Amino acid sequence: MQSRLRVPRRVATAATFAAVILLAGCGGNLGDQGSEAAASYPQRAISLLVGQDAGGSTDLIARAAADPAGADLKQPITVLNKPGANGAVAAKELAGAKPDGYTIMLFVGSLAYITPLAVASGEVVDIKNYEVVTGLSQDDYVLVASPKTGFKTVKDIVDAKREIKYATTGVGTGSQLSQALLFSQTEVSATAVPFNGGAPALTAVMGGQVDVASVQLGEAQPQIKAGKVVPLVTFAEKRPSYMPDTPTAVEAGYNVPVQQSRAVVAPKGTPKDVVDRLRAAFQKAFAAQAYKDFNAQRLLTPNEVDGATLLRQWTGSLQTYRGLVEQYKIDLSGKS
């Protein structure tokens, strides 16, 4: 026969009350374990995914920011290159990572506001599916030609009245969009030749494989100074102070305002305390003189805004570029 242990009601009530007091002392719920983890963050190295090849602009920016930010966090931030599909490969890996702040990514803006215009809806990477830690910087594109072409202005290209081959840094990039818009508006017959980054695109221009290429100013500047390529026009909204003699596309009469932007993001669901700690660390990095000098040397414009501001910027860019692509009936898929 089983026996039952009866607990007096007064004893049970007292035990229940004590349990409530204990939980209240712990914050009222077990979720505070996450808050405690966030408070002690970070306890080990952090991985910073980069969706582009080592040695390119995005990779160099990631490394320049990672070192001082890691110093502030007292844990190293290790850059891991995961190139492919303008950063989509790295972004998908990040989406599947644990949202604990130990895996983050340097996200290029073109993946959020240009690539969606070039790929099927199922392949689109939506920046709203991530936690934006901070904006970093933005840079402009410049159209360059080999001196052998004789091109010094966009008008020279139009007057050539021949088929033009232009190098891009890949499908769904600002390099591709800027040239597609320009040649559509000038009614120049042109064929895109995609490369995997600015360095090979520049090499193709200098080697005569293509006539022109749109590349980021920081990558093109050394070759411009060396006289190996000629700047024809920039796609900045206003003439850059470091290239005062090169007109913008708008000044030349064409509506082509295309820029690249970058941000640090974390997986969706990363605790706010962790996101805030990361942002504080990168703000310390932005204030470091070595990082400021890096931006100046690479011709980068600081865009060290918070997540909400960055989302507004990138959403606006997507709307603008979608309107231009529809207006000029441009196909960025690379299939036509």
Protein backbone atom coordinates (compact mmCIF):
# COMPACT_ATOMS: atom_id res chain seq x y z
CA MET A 1 0.00 0.00 0.00
CA GLN A 2 1.32 3.39 -0.95
CA SER A 3 1.36 6.08 1.69
CA ARG A 4 0.73 9.77 1.04
CA LEU A 5 2.62 12.56 2.71
CA ARG A 6 0.20 15.34 3.51
CA VAL A 7 1.65 18.84 3.75
CA PRO A 8 -0.21 21.28 5.97
CA ARG A 9 -1.71 24.15 3.97
CA ARG A 10 0.17 26.78 6.01
CA VAL A 11 3.50 25.07 5.21
CA ALA A 12 2.67 24.84 1.48
CA THR A 13 1.66 28.49 1.37
CA ALA A 14 4.89 29.55 3.08
CA ALA A 15 6.94 27.50 0.63
CA THR A 16 5.16 29.05 -2.34
CA PHE A 17 5.72 32.55 -0.95
CA ALA A 18 9.41 31.82 -0.44
CA ALA A 19 9.71 30.62 -4.04
CA VAL A 20 8.13 33.83 -5.30
CA ILE A 21 10.56 35.91 -3.25
CA LEU A 22 13.47 33.88 -4.61
CA LEU A 23 12.38 34.41 -8.21
CA ALA A 24 11.87 38.12 -7.59
CA GLY A 25 15.38 38.36 -6.26
CA CYS A 26 16.59 36.81 -9.53
CA GLY A 27 14.70 39.31 -11.65
CA GLY A 28 11.42 37.44 -11.80
CA ASN A 29 12.27 35.08 -14.69
CA LEU A 30 14.91 32.72 -15.95
CA GLY A 31 15.59 34.91 -18.98
CA ASP A 32 18.00 36.96 -16.93
CA GLN A 33 20.61 34.32 -17.62
CA GLY A 34 20.83 35.88 -21.09
CA SER A 35 21.28 39.33 -19.56
CA GLU A 36 24.09 38.02 -17.40
CA ALA A 37 25.77 36.54 -20.50
CA ALA A 38 25.41 39.86 -22.29
CA ALA A 39 26.91 41.70 -19.32
CA SER A 40 30.02 39.53 -19.44
CA TYR A 41 30.30 39.70 -23.25
CA PRO A 42 32.69 39.01 -24.88
CA GLN A 43 34.49 36.10 -23.30
CA ARG A 44 36.23 34.83 -26.45
CA ALA A 45 37.24 35.86 -29.97
CA ILE A 46 34.66 37.26 -32.39
CA SER A 47 34.45 36.27 -36.07
CA LEU A 48 33.82 39.04 -38.60
CA LEU A 49 32.60 37.61 -41.90
CA VAL A 50 33.55 39.43 -45.11
CA GLY A 51 31.73 38.43 -48.28
CA GLN A 52 34.51 39.60 -50.58
CA ASP A 53 38.04 38.41 -51.37
CA ALA A 54 41.03 39.25 -49.19
CA GLY A 55 42.88 42.39 -50.27
CA GLY A 56 39.87 44.22 -51.74
CA SER A 57 38.35 47.42 -50.38
CA THR A 58 35.77 45.72 -48.17
CA ASP A 59 38.33 43.35 -46.70
CA LEU A 60 40.76 46.17 -45.94
CA ILE A 61 38.02 48.25 -44.30
CA ALA A 62 37.00 45.28 -42.16
CA ARG A 63 40.55 44.77 -40.92
CA ALA A 64 41.11 48.47 -40.27
CA ALA A 65 38.02 48.64 -38.04
CA ALA A 66 38.35 45.19 -36.45
CA ASP A 67 41.72 45.76 -34.76
CA PRO A 68 40.84 48.85 -32.68
CA ALA A 69 37.31 47.55 -31.95
CA GLY A 70 38.78 44.28 -30.71
CA ALA A 71 41.21 46.18 -28.52
CA ASP A 72 38.30 47.94 -26.84
CA LEU A 73 36.47 44.62 -26.36
CA LYS A 74 39.67 43.01 -25.03
CA GLN A 75 39.04 40.10 -27.40
CA PRO A 76 40.32 39.71 -30.97
CA ILE A 77 37.99 40.22 -33.92
CA THR A 78 39.10 37.76 -36.59
CA VAL A 79 38.25 38.52 -40.22
CA LEU A 80 37.02 35.49 -42.18
CA ASN A 81 36.65 35.90 -45.94
CA LYS A 82 33.60 34.10 -47.37
CA PRO A 83 33.41 35.51 -50.93
CA GLY A 84 30.57 34.87 -53.33
CA ALA A 85 27.48 36.49 -54.87
CA ASN A 86 28.41 40.03 -53.76
CA GLY A 87 28.36 38.97 -50.11
CA ALA A 88 25.22 36.81 -50.20
CA VAL A 89 27.19 33.66 -49.30
CA ALA A 90 28.51 35.26 -46.11
CA ALA A 91 25.13 36.83 -45.30
CA LYS A 92 23.38 33.46 -45.47
CA GLU A 93 26.01 31.93 -43.20
CA LEU A 94 25.49 34.77 -40.73
CA ALA A 95 21.72 34.26 -40.79
CA GLY A 96 22.25 30.70 -39.55
CA ALA A 97 24.75 31.66 -36.84
CA LYS A 98 23.90 31.72 -33.15
CA PRO A 99 22.72 35.24 -32.20
CA ASP A 100 25.22 35.70 -29.38
CA GLY A 101 27.52 38.37 -30.82
CA TYR A 102 30.39 36.01 -31.59
CA THR A 103 29.71 35.97 -35.33
CA ILE A 104 29.11 39.29 -37.11
CA MET A 105 29.57 40.54 -40.67
CA LEU A 106 30.73 43.52 -42.67
CA PHE A 107 27.73 43.93 -44.98
CA VAL A 108 28.07 45.86 -48.26
CA GLY A 109 25.20 48.17 -49.13
CA SER A 110 24.99 47.05 -52.74
CA LEU A 111 23.87 43.62 -51.48
CA ALA A 112 20.87 45.33 -49.88
CA TYR A 113 19.93 47.91 -52.53
CA ILE A 114 21.35 46.78 -55.90
CA THR A 115 21.63 42.98 -55.86
CA PRO A 116 17.85 42.65 -55.20
CA LEU A 117 17.34 44.23 -58.64
CA ALA A 118 19.51 41.57 -60.30
CA VAL A 119 18.48 38.27 -58.69
CA ALA A 120 15.32 36.21 -58.28
CA SER A 121 13.14 37.12 -55.29
CA GLY A 122 14.12 33.92 -53.50
CA GLU A 123 17.78 34.93 -53.61
CA VAL A 124 17.32 38.42 -52.18
CA VAL A 125 19.14 39.15 -48.90
CA ASP A 126 17.01 41.53 -46.81
CA ILE A 127 19.00 43.76 -44.45
CA LYS A 128 15.93 43.91 -42.18
CA ASN A 129 16.55 40.26 -41.29
CA TYR A 130 19.71 41.27 -39.39
CA GLU A 131 20.59 43.48 -36.43
CA VAL A 132 22.52 46.52 -37.67
CA VAL A 133 25.33 47.33 -35.26
CA THR A 134 26.63 50.44 -37.02
CA GLY A 135 27.25 52.07 -40.35
CA LEU A 136 30.92 52.44 -41.31
CA SER A 137 31.67 54.40 -44.44
CA GLN A 138 30.71 54.99 -48.02
CA ASP A 139 32.74 55.50 -51.15
CA ASP A 140 32.18 56.63 -54.70
CA TYR A 141 32.72 55.04 -58.08
CA VAL A 142 34.78 56.52 -60.89
CA LEU A 143 34.69 55.56 -64.58
CA VAL A 144 38.23 55.04 -65.85
CA ALA A 145 39.68 54.27 -69.28
CA SER A 146 43.06 53.24 -70.62
CA PRO A 147 45.05 56.14 -72.12
CA LYS A 148 45.23 54.03 -75.29
CA THR A 149 41.51 54.56 -75.92
CA GLY A 150 41.92 58.31 -76.18
CA PHE A 151 38.84 58.77 -73.98
CA LYS A 152 38.96 61.74 -71.63
CA THR A 153 35.25 62.45 -71.23
CA VAL A 154 31.92 60.65 -71.57
CA LYS A 155 31.38 62.66 -74.76
CA ASP A 156 34.45 61.00 -76.25
CA ILE A 157 32.79 57.61 -75.70
CA VAL A 158 29.58 58.80 -77.35
CA ASP A 159 31.47 60.32 -80.29
CA ALA A 160 33.41 57.09 -80.85
CA LYS A 161 30.20 55.57 -82.27
CA ARG A 162 31.33 52.02 -81.66
CA GLU A 163 30.61 49.09 -79.41
CA ILE A 164 32.05 49.60 -75.93
CA LYS A 165 33.19 46.84 -73.59
CA TYR A 166 33.03 47.71 -69.92
CA ALA A 167 34.33 45.80 -66.91
CA THR A 168 32.20 45.39 -63.80
CA THR A 169 33.06 44.06 -60.37
CA GLY A 170 30.23 41.53 -60.64
CA VAL A 171 26.48 41.13 -61.10
CA GLY A 172 24.36 43.19 -58.74
CA THR A 173 27.11 45.65 -57.86
CA GLY A 174 27.36 49.43 -58.01
CA SER A 175 30.01 49.04 -60.69
CA GLN A 176 27.52 47.25 -62.93
CA LEU A 177 24.57 49.56 -62.17
CA SER A 178 26.49 52.82 -62.67
CA GLN A 179 27.72 51.84 -66.13
CA ALA A 180 24.45 50.27 -67.20
CA LEU A 181 22.64 53.50 -66.31
CA LEU A 182 25.24 55.68 -68.02
CA PHE A 183 25.31 53.74 -71.29
CA SER A 184 21.54 53.47 -71.36
CA GLN A 185 21.19 57.25 -71.04
CA THR A 186 23.91 57.98 -73.59
CA GLU A 187 22.41 55.35 -75.94
CA VAL A 188 25.87 53.85 -76.38
CA SER A 189 25.93 50.20 -77.42
CA ALA A 190 27.89 48.53 -74.62
CA THR A 191 28.61 45.03 -73.34
CA ALA A 192 29.36 44.19 -69.70
CA VAL A 193 32.30 41.94 -68.84
CA PRO A 194 32.03 40.89 -65.17
CA PHE A 195 35.09 40.39 -62.97
CA ASN A 196 35.40 39.35 -59.34
CA GLY A 197 36.39 42.69 -57.85
CA GLY A 198 37.93 46.06 -58.62
CA ALA A 199 41.54 44.89 -58.98
CA PRO A 200 40.88 42.51 -61.90
CA ALA A 201 38.55 45.06 -63.51
CA LEU A 202 41.34 47.66 -63.42
CA THR A 203 43.80 45.14 -64.80
CA ALA A 204 41.42 44.47 -67.70
CA VAL A 205 41.29 48.19 -68.50
CA MET A 206 45.06 48.57 -68.40
CA GLY A 207 45.53 45.43 -70.48
CA GLY A 208 43.10 46.51 -73.17
CA GLN A 209 40.60 43.69 -72.56
CA VAL A 210 37.90 46.30 -72.02
CA ASP A 211 37.53 49.99 -72.80
CA VAL A 212 36.38 51.30 -69.43
CA ALA A 213 35.45 50.21 -65.91
CA SER A 214 33.60 51.71 -62.95
CA VAL A 215 35.57 51.03 -59.78
CA GLN A 216 35.75 52.49 -56.31
CA LEU A 217 37.85 55.62 -55.99
CA GLY A 218 40.17 54.16 -53.36
CA GLU A 219 41.09 51.29 -55.67
CA ALA A 220 41.45 53.44 -58.77
CA GLN A 221 43.38 56.35 -57.27
CA PRO A 222 46.89 54.75 -57.34
CA GLN A 223 46.51 53.84 -61.03
CA ILE A 224 45.12 57.31 -61.80
CA LYS A 225 48.09 58.97 -60.10
CA ALA A 226 50.46 56.64 -61.99
CA GLY A 227 48.86 57.65 -65.29
CA LYS A 228 47.86 54.09 -66.10
CA VAL A 229 44.14 54.94 -66.30
CA VAL A 230 42.26 58.15 -67.05
CA PRO A 231 39.28 59.25 -64.89
CA LEU A 232 36.32 60.28 -67.06
CA VAL A 233 33.53 60.88 -64.58
CA THR A 234 32.55 60.05 -61.00
CA PHE A 235 29.16 58.73 -59.94
CA ALA A 236 29.16 60.73 -56.71
CA GLU A 237 26.31 63.08 -55.85
CA LYS A 238 28.75 65.98 -55.83
CA ARG A 239 32.31 66.36 -57.10
CA PRO A 240 34.73 64.77 -54.59
CA SER A 241 37.19 67.21 -53.04
CA TYR A 242 40.04 64.78 -53.74
CA MET A 243 39.18 64.71 -57.47
CA PRO A 244 38.29 68.34 -58.15
CA ASP A 245 39.04 68.14 -61.88
CA THR A 246 36.78 65.16 -62.57
CA PRO A 247 33.11 65.97 -63.16
CA THR A 248 30.21 63.97 -61.77
CA ALA A 249 27.83 62.13 -64.05
CA VAL A 250 25.14 64.61 -63.04
CA GLU A 251 27.34 67.50 -64.19
CA ALA A 252 27.85 65.67 -67.48
CA GLY A 253 24.06 65.52 -67.87
CA TYR A 254 23.27 62.00 -66.68
CA ASN A 255 21.24 60.78 -63.70
CA VAL A 256 23.62 58.21 -62.21
CA PRO A 257 23.99 58.71 -58.42
CA VAL A 258 25.54 55.38 -57.35
CA GLN A 259 27.55 54.87 -54.16
CA GLN A 260 28.80 51.95 -52.10
CA SER A 261 28.13 51.81 -48.37
CA ARG A 262 29.07 49.36 -45.61
CA ALA A 263 27.82 48.37 -42.17
CA VAL A 264 28.51 45.88 -39.39
CA VAL A 265 25.57 43.56 -38.73
CA ALA A 266 24.75 40.67 -36.40
CA PRO A 267 22.25 37.80 -36.62
CA LYS A 268 18.60 38.65 -35.94
CA GLY A 269 17.80 38.20 -32.26
CA THR A 270 21.21 39.18 -30.93
CA PRO A 271 20.60 40.71 -27.46
CA LYS A 272 20.40 44.51 -27.43
CA ASP A 273 23.08 44.70 -24.74
CA VAL A 274 25.47 42.82 -27.00
CA VAL A 275 24.64 44.97 -30.04
CA ASP A 276 25.16 48.10 -27.94
CA ARG A 277 28.51 46.82 -26.67
CA LEU A 278 29.65 46.09 -30.21
CA ARG A 279 28.54 49.53 -31.39
CA ALA A 280 30.45 51.18 -28.55
CA ALA A 281 33.59 49.27 -29.52
CA PHE A 282 33.34 50.32 -33.16
CA GLN A 283 32.74 53.92 -32.12
CA LYS A 284 36.04 53.74 -30.26
CA ALA A 285 37.60 52.40 -33.46
CA PHE A 286 36.17 55.29 -35.49
CA ALA A 287 37.80 57.76 -33.09
CA ALA A 288 41.25 56.19 -33.47
CA GLN A 289 43.63 58.33 -35.52
CA ALA A 290 44.94 55.32 -37.43
CA TYR A 291 41.40 54.50 -38.60
CA LYS A 292 40.73 58.13 -39.57
CA ASP A 293 43.97 58.15 -41.57
CA PHE A 294 42.92 54.90 -43.27
CA ASN A 295 39.62 56.47 -44.37
CA ALA A 296 41.44 59.51 -45.74
CA GLN A 297 44.00 57.42 -47.63
CA ARG A 298 41.26 55.22 -49.16
CA LEU A 299 39.07 58.23 -50.02
CA LEU A 300 36.24 56.95 -47.82
CA THR A 301 33.49 59.15 -46.39
CA PRO A 302 32.57 58.25 -42.79
CA ASN A 303 28.97 57.07 -42.40
CA GLU A 304 29.12 55.99 -38.77
CA VAL A 305 25.35 56.13 -38.18
CA ASP A 306 23.14 53.98 -35.98
CA GLY A 307 21.08 51.04 -37.23
CA ALA A 308 17.79 52.89 -37.69
CA THR A 309 19.44 55.64 -39.73
CA LEU A 310 21.30 53.15 -41.89
CA LEU A 311 18.11 51.21 -42.63
CA ARG A 312 16.43 54.42 -43.78
CA GLN A 313 19.39 55.22 -46.04
CA TRP A 314 19.53 51.79 -47.64
CA THR A 315 15.76 51.51 -48.07
CA GLY A 316 15.81 54.88 -49.83
CA SER A 317 18.64 53.76 -52.11
CA LEU A 318 16.75 50.61 -53.06
CA GLN A 319 13.70 52.65 -54.01
CA THR A 320 15.81 55.12 -56.02
CA TYR A 321 17.71 52.44 -57.93
CA ARG A 322 14.60 50.38 -58.59
CA GLY A 323 12.97 53.45 -60.11
CA LEU A 324 15.97 54.14 -62.36
CA VAL A 325 16.23 50.51 -63.49
CA GLU A 326 12.54 50.49 -64.40
CA GLN A 327 12.75 53.90 -66.08
CA TYR A 328 15.62 52.90 -68.36
CA LYS A 329 14.50 49.27 -68.77
CA ILE A 330 17.80 47.85 -67.53
CA ASP A 331 18.36 44.14 -66.94
CA LEU A 332 21.01 43.58 -64.27
CA SER A 333 20.66 39.79 -64.15
CA GLY A 334 23.55 39.26 -66.57
CA LYS A 335 21.48 36.74 -68.47
CA SER A 336 20.56 38.89 -71.44
